[in-house]
Amino acid sequence: MAVETKLFMCRTDNFGALLHDRATGETAIIDAPEEGPIVEAIERSGWTPSMILTTHHHGDHIEANLALKSRYKLRIVGPEAERDRIPGIDDTVEEGSVIPFGNETIEVIETPGHTAGHVCYHLPESKLAFTADTLFALGCGRLFERPAPVMFESLKKLAALPGETVVYCGHEYTLSNARFALTVDPDNAALRARTDRIEKLRADNKPTLPTTIGEELATNPFLRWADPAIRKHLGMENASDVEVFTEIRKRKDNF
């Protein structure tokens, strides 16, 4: 693979990530949750970042924008729909925007739901996706600024990516997500096995990322709205896909 990703923890449960093109040396920071851990990761890597790719405006994703911009003289890229809420933003992107990165490109996917203008970043050649607070390992983001049908359409876009796409998300919520997933999909053997692996990883204080689109399609209830077993368990055999998703999200909110 021509690009390399380094994952590390910020704040209490945020993931920080660096994306690096080996051929050109270009490096991007994915969101800016906390200055110290990001600077430490940059110093360990020896890479020099040229941009921050911002997914959405929440404080735990933009807190270090201005400090990092001052330190590294980088540019900040973020969603056009949230440009007024992202400190230091230089360039805006929207659905279909393409960002040159090293010898390939980063595609922008608009995924409103968690916030009104949330975007994800997809590298089709390297088969990587940075989904922040739209798609989590075994979960999806809370619906703060847009209703369930909007998030449903956003998740459909991500579910349509190739199954081998490697996914990095914004938080270490996976163990809690797994425990909830078992309440709506209790007979899923793949989910039970994955939950066992996740419990071991967290017991050893190891991250549960990355995941893949294929693994999420097999085990993440927020992408499994059409699954007959989930529908039967919810008593929603004849409901629409979006109605099933909405019910699952409502149950997670009260879990």
Protein backbone atom coordinates (compact mmCIF):
# COMPACT_ATOMS: atom_id res chain seq x y z
CA MET A 1 0.00 0.00 0.00
CA ALA A 2 1.32 3.43 -0.93
CA VAL A 3 -0.09 5.11 2.18
CA GLU A 4 0.42 4.40 5.86
CA THR A 5 -1.88 5.16 8.77
CA LYS A 6 -0.89 5.66 12.41
CA LEU A 7 -3.64 5.46 15.01
CA PHE A 8 -3.41 6.76 18.59
CA MET A 9 -5.62 7.87 21.45
CA CYS A 10 -6.59 11.45 22.31
CA ARG A 11 -8.66 12.86 25.17
CA THR A 12 -10.59 10.07 26.89
CA ASP A 13 -11.80 7.95 23.99
CA ASN A 14 -11.08 9.84 20.74
CA PHE A 15 -8.93 8.28 18.07
CA GLY A 16 -6.33 10.45 16.39
CA ALA A 17 -4.90 9.42 13.03
CA LEU A 18 -2.07 10.38 10.70
CA LEU A 19 -2.20 9.53 7.01
CA HIS A 20 1.13 9.41 5.16
CA ASP A 21 2.03 8.89 1.50
CA ARG A 22 5.33 7.00 1.40
CA ALA A 23 6.31 8.10 -2.09
CA THR A 24 5.87 11.84 -1.67
CA GLY A 25 6.07 12.25 2.09
CA GLU A 26 2.76 14.11 2.22
CA THR A 27 1.03 13.73 5.57
CA ALA A 28 -2.48 14.60 6.76
CA ILE A 29 -3.97 14.72 10.23
CA ILE A 30 -7.49 13.32 10.47
CA ASP A 31 -9.35 15.66 12.84
CA ALA A 32 -7.64 17.44 15.72
CA PRO A 33 -9.02 16.23 19.06
CA GLU A 34 -6.04 17.20 21.27
CA GLU A 35 -2.74 18.91 20.57
CA GLY A 36 -0.35 16.94 22.80
CA PRO A 37 -0.99 13.38 21.58
CA ILE A 38 -1.04 14.55 17.95
CA VAL A 39 2.29 16.36 18.29
CA GLU A 40 3.77 13.30 20.01
CA ALA A 41 2.55 11.03 17.20
CA ILE A 42 4.01 13.39 14.59
CA GLU A 43 7.37 13.50 16.39
CA ARG A 44 7.47 9.70 16.70
CA SER A 45 6.72 9.30 13.01
CA GLY A 46 9.16 11.90 11.75
CA TRP A 47 6.51 13.05 9.29
CA THR A 48 5.59 16.69 8.60
CA PRO A 49 1.85 17.31 8.22
CA SER A 50 0.60 19.64 5.51
CA MET A 51 -3.13 19.56 6.28
CA ILE A 52 -5.88 18.64 8.69
CA LEU A 53 -8.87 16.83 7.22
CA THR A 54 -11.79 17.87 9.44
CA THR A 55 -14.90 15.70 9.47
CA HIS A 56 -17.25 17.88 11.53
CA HIS A 57 -17.41 20.81 13.91
CA HIS A 58 -17.71 19.16 17.33
CA GLY A 59 -15.14 20.40 19.83
CA ASP A 60 -13.54 17.01 20.39
CA HIS A 61 -12.60 16.96 16.68
CA ILE A 62 -11.41 20.55 16.19
CA GLU A 63 -9.96 21.55 19.57
CA ALA A 64 -6.35 21.59 18.36
CA ASN A 65 -6.95 23.13 14.92
CA LEU A 66 -5.45 26.55 15.61
CA ALA A 67 -2.54 25.26 17.70
CA LEU A 68 -1.54 22.74 15.03
CA LYS A 69 -1.99 25.29 12.26
CA SER A 70 0.33 27.68 14.06
CA ARG A 71 2.92 25.01 14.83
CA TYR A 72 3.08 23.36 11.38
CA LYS A 73 1.80 26.11 9.03
CA LEU A 74 -0.63 23.60 7.57
CA ARG A 75 -3.96 24.11 5.86
CA ILE A 76 -7.27 23.02 7.28
CA VAL A 77 -9.87 21.33 5.09
CA GLY A 78 -13.44 20.77 6.19
CA PRO A 79 -17.07 20.56 5.13
CA GLU A 80 -18.55 23.55 3.34
CA ALA A 81 -21.78 23.16 5.33
CA GLU A 82 -19.89 23.75 8.60
CA ARG A 83 -17.25 26.23 7.48
CA ASP A 84 -18.38 28.87 10.00
CA ARG A 85 -17.94 26.45 12.89
CA ILE A 86 -14.46 25.09 12.10
CA PRO A 87 -11.57 27.20 13.44
CA GLY A 88 -8.85 28.09 10.96
CA ILE A 89 -10.52 26.50 7.96
CA ASP A 90 -8.84 27.27 4.62
CA ASP A 91 -10.52 25.01 2.04
CA THR A 92 -14.00 23.54 2.01
CA VAL A 93 -15.28 20.30 0.52
CA GLU A 94 -18.64 18.73 -0.20
CA GLU A 95 -20.11 15.60 -1.76
CA GLY A 96 -17.97 14.57 -4.73
CA SER A 97 -15.01 16.79 -3.89
CA VAL A 98 -11.62 15.23 -4.62
CA ILE A 99 -8.49 16.10 -2.65
CA PRO A 100 -5.10 15.30 -4.20
CA PHE A 101 -2.95 13.35 -1.76
CA GLY A 102 0.45 12.00 -2.73
CA ASN A 103 0.01 9.86 -5.81
CA GLU A 104 -3.70 9.25 -5.30
CA THR A 105 -6.84 11.10 -4.33
CA ILE A 106 -9.18 11.38 -1.38
CA GLU A 107 -12.88 11.37 -2.15
CA VAL A 108 -15.32 13.27 0.05
CA ILE A 109 -18.59 11.62 1.08
CA GLU A 110 -21.20 13.81 2.74
CA THR A 111 -22.73 11.91 5.68
CA PRO A 112 -25.09 14.21 7.61
CA GLY A 113 -26.81 12.83 10.69
CA HIS A 114 -24.51 13.22 13.68
CA THR A 115 -24.07 16.81 12.52
CA ALA A 116 -25.66 18.63 9.63
CA GLY A 117 -22.50 18.77 7.52
CA HIS A 118 -20.44 15.74 8.60
CA VAL A 119 -18.16 14.34 5.88
CA CYS A 120 -16.11 11.16 5.57
CA TYR A 121 -12.85 10.77 3.64
CA HIS A 122 -12.37 7.80 1.31
CA LEU A 123 -9.18 6.70 -0.46
CA PRO A 124 -10.46 4.27 -3.12
CA GLU A 125 -7.02 3.20 -4.35
CA SER A 126 -5.71 2.37 -0.88
CA LYS A 127 -9.14 1.11 0.21
CA LEU A 128 -9.31 3.31 3.33
CA ALA A 129 -12.16 5.28 4.86
CA PHE A 130 -12.16 7.73 7.77
CA THR A 131 -15.72 7.80 9.05
CA ALA A 132 -15.32 9.78 12.31
CA ASP A 133 -18.70 9.92 14.10
CA THR A 134 -20.93 8.62 11.30
CA LEU A 135 -19.95 4.94 11.30
CA PHE A 136 -18.34 3.35 14.35
CA ALA A 137 -17.14 -0.19 14.82
CA LEU A 138 -20.44 -1.91 15.61
CA GLY A 139 -22.26 1.41 15.90
CA CYS A 140 -23.17 4.77 14.43
CA GLY A 141 -23.15 8.32 15.75
CA ARG A 142 -25.88 9.90 17.83
CA LEU A 143 -28.34 11.99 15.85
CA PHE A 144 -27.70 15.49 17.15
CA GLU A 145 -28.49 17.64 14.11
CA ARG A 146 -30.36 15.52 11.59
CA PRO A 147 -33.07 12.85 11.99
CA ALA A 148 -32.78 9.11 11.54
CA PRO A 149 -33.83 9.00 7.87
CA VAL A 150 -30.95 11.36 6.99
CA MET A 151 -28.40 9.25 8.87
CA PHE A 152 -29.85 6.14 7.24
CA GLU A 153 -29.06 7.54 3.78
CA SER A 154 -25.56 8.48 4.93
CA LEU A 155 -24.88 4.98 6.22
CA LYS A 156 -26.16 3.49 2.95
CA LYS A 157 -23.38 5.37 1.16
CA LEU A 158 -20.74 3.87 3.44
CA ALA A 159 -22.28 0.40 3.29
CA ALA A 160 -21.92 0.53 -0.49
CA LEU A 161 -18.12 0.88 -0.33
CA PRO A 162 -16.11 -2.24 -1.20
CA GLY A 163 -16.17 -4.80 1.60
CA GLU A 164 -12.39 -4.80 1.92
CA THR A 165 -12.34 -1.06 2.68
CA VAL A 166 -10.45 -0.51 5.95
CA VAL A 167 -12.36 1.79 8.29
CA TYR A 168 -11.04 4.17 10.93
CA CYS A 169 -13.63 5.90 13.08
CA GLY A 170 -13.57 8.63 15.69
CA HIS A 171 -14.01 6.93 19.08
CA GLU A 172 -13.25 3.80 21.06
CA TYR A 173 -16.87 2.86 21.69
CA THR A 174 -16.65 -0.68 20.34
CA LEU A 175 -17.14 -2.75 23.50
CA SER A 176 -20.27 -0.85 24.52
CA ASN A 177 -21.50 -1.04 20.92
CA ALA A 178 -20.93 -4.80 20.89
CA ARG A 179 -22.90 -5.31 24.08
CA PHE A 180 -25.79 -3.35 22.62
CA ALA A 181 -25.58 -5.16 19.27
CA LEU A 182 -26.13 -8.47 21.04
CA THR A 183 -29.45 -7.19 22.40
CA VAL A 184 -30.88 -6.78 18.90
CA ASP A 185 -28.94 -9.51 17.07
CA PRO A 186 -28.40 -12.19 19.75
CA ASP A 187 -28.15 -15.20 17.43
CA ASN A 188 -25.41 -13.78 15.19
CA ALA A 189 -22.43 -16.12 15.63
CA ALA A 190 -20.05 -13.71 13.92
CA LEU A 191 -21.11 -10.95 16.31
CA ARG A 192 -20.63 -13.17 19.36
CA ALA A 193 -17.15 -14.16 18.19
CA ARG A 194 -16.26 -10.55 17.45
CA THR A 195 -17.49 -9.49 20.89
CA ASP A 196 -15.18 -12.06 22.48
CA ARG A 197 -12.22 -10.63 20.53
CA ILE A 198 -13.16 -7.08 21.48
CA GLU A 199 -13.38 -7.95 25.17
CA LYS A 200 -9.86 -9.41 25.04
CA LEU A 201 -8.48 -6.38 23.21
CA ARG A 202 -9.97 -3.94 25.69
CA ALA A 203 -8.82 -6.04 28.66
CA ASP A 204 -5.30 -5.62 27.26
CA ASN A 205 -5.92 -1.89 26.63
CA LYS A 206 -5.53 -2.39 22.89
CA PRO A 207 -7.55 -0.53 20.24
CA THR A 208 -10.40 -2.27 18.45
CA LEU A 209 -9.69 -0.50 15.16
CA PRO A 210 -9.39 -0.70 12.27
CA THR A 211 -12.42 -2.57 11.05
CA THR A 212 -13.66 -3.15 7.50
CA ILE A 213 -16.89 -2.47 5.69
CA GLY A 214 -17.31 -6.21 5.24
CA GLU A 215 -16.98 -6.88 8.96
CA GLU A 216 -19.47 -4.13 9.75
CA LEU A 217 -21.98 -5.50 7.24
CA ALA A 218 -21.72 -8.87 8.97
CA THR A 219 -22.00 -7.67 12.58
CA ASN A 220 -23.02 -4.00 12.94
CA PRO A 221 -26.79 -3.79 13.52
CA PHE A 222 -26.90 -0.21 12.21
CA LEU A 223 -26.04 -1.57 8.76
CA ARG A 224 -28.18 -4.71 9.06
CA TRP A 225 -31.65 -3.20 8.81
CA ALA A 226 -32.67 -5.80 6.20
CA ASP A 227 -31.55 -8.84 8.19
CA PRO A 228 -34.52 -11.20 8.81
CA ALA A 229 -33.28 -12.30 12.24
CA ILE A 230 -32.98 -8.73 13.50
CA ARG A 231 -36.38 -7.85 12.07
CA LYS A 232 -37.96 -10.88 13.75
CA HIS A 233 -36.29 -10.09 17.07
CA LEU A 234 -37.65 -6.51 16.89
CA GLY A 235 -41.10 -7.65 15.76
CA MET A 236 -40.66 -5.57 12.59
CA GLU A 237 -40.76 -8.18 9.84
CA ASN A 238 -42.86 -5.97 7.56
CA ALA A 239 -41.35 -2.59 8.41
CA SER A 240 -39.34 -0.50 5.98
CA ASP A 241 -35.55 -0.48 6.21
CA VAL A 242 -35.50 3.06 7.56
CA GLU A 243 -38.09 2.16 10.22
CA VAL A 244 -35.91 -0.72 11.40
CA PHE A 245 -32.83 1.52 11.52
CA THR A 246 -34.76 4.18 13.43
CA GLU A 247 -35.90 1.64 16.03
CA ILE A 248 -32.36 0.33 16.50
CA ARG A 249 -31.01 3.87 16.96
CA LYS A 250 -33.77 4.65 19.47
CA ARG A 251 -32.93 1.52 21.45
CA LYS A 252 -29.24 2.44 21.51
CA ASP A 253 -30.07 5.92 22.80
CA ASN A 254 -31.77 4.26 25.79
CA PHE A 255 -29.24 1.44 26.28
